[in-house]
Amino acid sequence: MRAFLAIELNDYVIENILKTQQVLDENSTSRLKHVERENMHLTVKFFGDINERKLKQIKRIINETIESYKPYTMKVAGVGAFANIKHPKTIWTTVKDKEKNTINLIRNLDDKFADIGFKKERSYKPHITISRVKQLNDAQNLSKTLSDMKGNYYGKVDVNKIVLKSSTLTPDGPIYKNEE
């Protein structure tokens, strides 16, 4: 099973992200592959292919870790891009919370997953993927559009659980399923 751990988004935030996708379409001739509504989430950890033994270990770590976290609220705001805004490959929005609960949760889980054989992340940049650039036709125009949206605010997400998801790759894109 190909699996990852995620924080799910509420409808309000998703609707606002969909509006950003529409603005990107209206202001760019680049070929973009937007993340579908049902696939929008914040990835906490990508595991790749796992077996039943690893699945049980992952679930144990999730349950043990989440017990020590109180529910909190994160803000979804801003627009950025990997590699960068001038040469975008992946367009994203980021999350923020005053106590840095999201980044602390990700680091804590990453440490525990490293103990059972998963590669530790080099850096932590919590983000929600909005679109992937398949063909960059108008770098300057797309860069300007992204810069103009840096101040976008998408809403708040109450974080009270993390969800283990499986991912099945298809020619039309991934299909995600909750595994808990």
Protein backbone atom coordinates (compact mmCIF):
# COMPACT_ATOMS: atom_id res chain seq x y z
CA MET A 1 0.00 0.00 0.00
CA ARG A 2 1.29 3.48 -0.92
CA ALA A 3 0.56 5.65 2.11
CA PHE A 4 0.90 9.09 3.67
CA LEU A 5 -0.25 10.95 6.75
CA ALA A 6 -2.38 14.09 6.34
CA ILE A 7 -4.32 16.88 8.00
CA GLU A 8 -7.62 17.32 6.21
CA LEU A 9 -9.02 20.71 5.26
CA ASN A 10 -12.51 22.10 5.75
CA ASP A 11 -14.83 23.13 2.91
CA TYR A 12 -14.32 26.86 3.48
CA VAL A 13 -10.54 26.62 2.98
CA ILE A 14 -10.95 24.29 0.00
CA GLU A 15 -13.41 26.67 -1.68
CA ASN A 16 -10.94 29.53 -1.31
CA ILE A 17 -8.11 27.43 -2.75
CA LEU A 18 -10.36 26.54 -5.71
CA LYS A 19 -10.81 30.28 -6.33
CA THR A 20 -7.03 30.65 -6.49
CA GLN A 21 -6.88 27.86 -9.06
CA GLN A 22 -9.46 29.75 -11.12
CA VAL A 23 -7.40 32.97 -10.92
CA LEU A 24 -4.32 31.03 -12.06
CA ASP A 25 -6.25 29.70 -15.07
CA GLU A 26 -7.53 33.17 -15.94
CA ASN A 27 -4.11 34.82 -15.71
CA SER A 28 -1.70 32.28 -17.14
CA THR A 29 -1.22 30.36 -20.38
CA SER A 30 1.00 27.83 -18.62
CA ARG A 31 -0.35 24.29 -18.45
CA LEU A 32 -1.26 23.62 -14.82
CA LYS A 33 -2.49 20.43 -13.15
CA HIS A 34 -4.66 21.53 -10.25
CA VAL A 35 -5.09 19.39 -7.16
CA GLU A 36 -8.66 18.12 -7.15
CA ARG A 37 -10.98 19.25 -4.37
CA GLU A 38 -11.20 15.77 -2.85
CA ASN A 39 -7.40 15.45 -2.79
CA MET A 40 -6.56 18.70 -0.99
CA HIS A 41 -4.75 18.18 2.31
CA LEU A 42 -1.62 19.04 4.23
CA THR A 43 0.86 16.17 4.05
CA VAL A 44 2.41 15.41 7.42
CA LYS A 45 4.57 12.49 6.18
CA PHE A 46 4.81 10.54 2.93
CA PHE A 47 5.70 6.88 3.52
CA GLY A 48 5.64 5.40 0.04
CA ASP A 49 4.90 1.68 -0.23
CA ILE A 50 4.44 -0.01 3.16
CA ASN A 51 3.60 -3.53 4.30
CA GLU A 52 1.21 -4.68 7.05
CA ARG A 53 3.96 -4.69 9.70
CA LYS A 54 4.90 -1.05 8.94
CA LEU A 55 1.22 -0.11 8.83
CA LYS A 56 0.74 -1.40 12.39
CA GLN A 57 3.85 0.44 13.59
CA ILE A 58 2.69 3.68 11.93
CA LYS A 59 -0.77 3.43 13.49
CA ARG A 60 0.77 2.80 16.93
CA ILE A 61 3.00 5.87 16.61
CA ILE A 62 0.11 8.03 15.42
CA ASN A 63 -2.11 6.98 18.34
CA GLU A 64 0.66 7.45 20.93
CA THR A 65 1.71 10.83 19.55
CA ILE A 66 -1.68 12.40 18.96
CA GLU A 67 -2.68 11.75 22.59
CA SER A 68 -0.10 14.32 23.74
CA TYR A 69 -1.44 17.07 21.45
CA LYS A 70 -4.41 19.24 22.24
CA PRO A 71 -6.61 20.34 19.32
CA TYR A 72 -5.43 23.63 17.84
CA THR A 73 -6.21 25.98 14.96
CA MET A 74 -3.94 26.72 12.02
CA LYS A 75 -4.31 29.51 9.49
CA VAL A 76 -3.96 28.79 5.78
CA ALA A 77 -2.51 31.80 3.99
CA GLY A 78 -0.13 32.99 1.31
CA VAL A 79 0.98 31.56 -2.01
CA GLY A 80 4.43 30.33 -2.91
CA ALA A 81 6.16 27.92 -5.24
CA PHE A 82 8.86 25.27 -5.37
CA ALA A 83 11.51 25.71 -6.96
CA ASN A 84 10.62 29.43 -6.56
CA ILE A 85 8.10 32.03 -7.77
CA LYS A 86 10.19 32.94 -10.84
CA HIS A 87 10.49 29.27 -11.90
CA PRO A 88 7.46 27.52 -10.36
CA LYS A 89 7.12 23.74 -10.49
CA THR A 90 4.68 23.32 -7.59
CA ILE A 91 2.32 26.07 -6.40
CA TRP A 92 1.31 25.94 -2.74
CA THR A 93 -0.15 27.74 0.23
CA THR A 94 1.30 27.50 3.70
CA VAL A 95 -0.02 27.08 7.22
CA LYS A 96 0.72 29.04 10.36
CA ASP A 97 -0.17 28.71 14.00
CA LYS A 98 1.04 30.83 16.91
CA GLU A 99 2.44 27.97 18.99
CA LYS A 100 4.07 26.25 15.98
CA ASN A 101 1.97 23.17 16.75
CA THR A 102 1.95 21.99 13.13
CA ILE A 103 5.72 22.09 12.68
CA ASN A 104 6.25 20.54 16.14
CA LEU A 105 3.79 17.74 15.37
CA ILE A 106 5.50 17.03 12.04
CA ARG A 107 8.98 17.00 13.63
CA ASN A 108 7.85 14.82 16.53
CA LEU A 109 6.24 12.26 14.20
CA ASP A 110 9.19 12.37 11.80
CA ASP A 111 11.59 11.52 14.64
CA LYS A 112 9.44 8.56 15.66
CA PHE A 113 9.03 7.35 12.07
CA ALA A 114 12.81 7.53 11.62
CA ASP A 115 13.11 5.12 14.57
CA ILE A 116 11.19 2.50 12.56
CA GLY A 117 13.22 2.96 9.40
CA PHE A 118 11.72 5.88 7.47
CA LYS A 119 14.00 8.56 6.10
CA LYS A 120 14.01 11.78 8.12
CA GLU A 121 12.95 14.90 6.29
CA ARG A 122 15.76 17.38 5.54
CA SER A 123 13.57 20.37 6.23
CA TYR A 124 9.98 21.11 7.16
CA LYS A 125 7.87 23.44 5.04
CA PRO A 126 4.25 22.62 5.87
CA HIS A 127 2.23 23.39 2.75
CA ILE A 128 -0.86 22.50 0.79
CA THR A 129 -0.24 21.88 -2.90
CA ILE A 130 -2.57 23.95 -5.09
CA SER A 131 -1.24 23.11 -8.58
CA ARG A 132 1.67 21.60 -10.44
CA VAL A 133 3.17 23.37 -13.44
CA LYS A 134 3.24 20.90 -16.33
CA GLN A 135 4.40 23.37 -18.96
CA LEU A 136 5.67 26.86 -18.19
CA ASN A 137 4.62 29.07 -21.12
CA ASP A 138 4.60 32.48 -19.47
CA ALA A 139 7.03 32.54 -16.54
CA GLN A 140 6.91 36.32 -16.08
CA ASN A 141 3.10 36.50 -16.10
CA LEU A 142 2.66 33.48 -13.83
CA SER A 143 5.32 34.85 -11.47
CA LYS A 144 3.47 38.18 -11.25
CA THR A 145 0.16 36.43 -10.59
CA LEU A 146 1.73 34.37 -7.81
CA SER A 147 3.38 37.45 -6.29
CA ASP A 148 0.03 39.28 -6.34
CA MET A 149 -1.51 36.38 -4.35
CA LYS A 150 1.17 36.21 -1.62
CA GLY A 151 -1.21 37.89 0.81
CA ASN A 152 -4.16 35.56 0.14
CA TYR A 153 -5.94 34.28 3.22
CA TYR A 154 -7.82 30.99 2.88
CA GLY A 155 -9.21 30.48 6.37
CA LYS A 156 -8.64 28.50 9.53
CA VAL A 157 -8.52 24.74 10.06
CA ASP A 158 -9.25 23.13 13.41
CA VAL A 159 -6.71 20.36 13.82
CA ASN A 160 -8.00 17.60 16.06
CA LYS A 161 -6.82 14.52 14.16
CA ILE A 162 -4.39 13.31 11.55
CA VAL A 163 -5.46 10.80 8.93
CA LEU A 164 -3.56 7.89 7.41
CA LYS A 165 -4.36 7.74 3.70
CA SER A 166 -3.59 5.32 0.91
CA SER A 167 -2.82 6.57 -2.57
CA THR A 168 -3.54 4.72 -5.80
CA LEU A 169 -1.93 6.24 -8.88
CA THR A 170 -4.04 6.35 -12.05
CA PRO A 171 -3.53 8.03 -15.45
CA ASP A 172 -6.09 10.65 -14.35
CA GLY A 173 -4.28 11.38 -11.09
CA PRO A 174 -4.09 9.85 -7.62
CA ILE A 175 -7.05 8.44 -5.74
CA TYR A 176 -6.82 8.85 -1.97
CA LYS A 177 -8.63 6.75 0.61
CA ASN A 178 -8.73 7.12 4.40
CA GLU A 179 -7.24 4.05 6.08
CA GLU A 180 -8.28 4.67 9.70
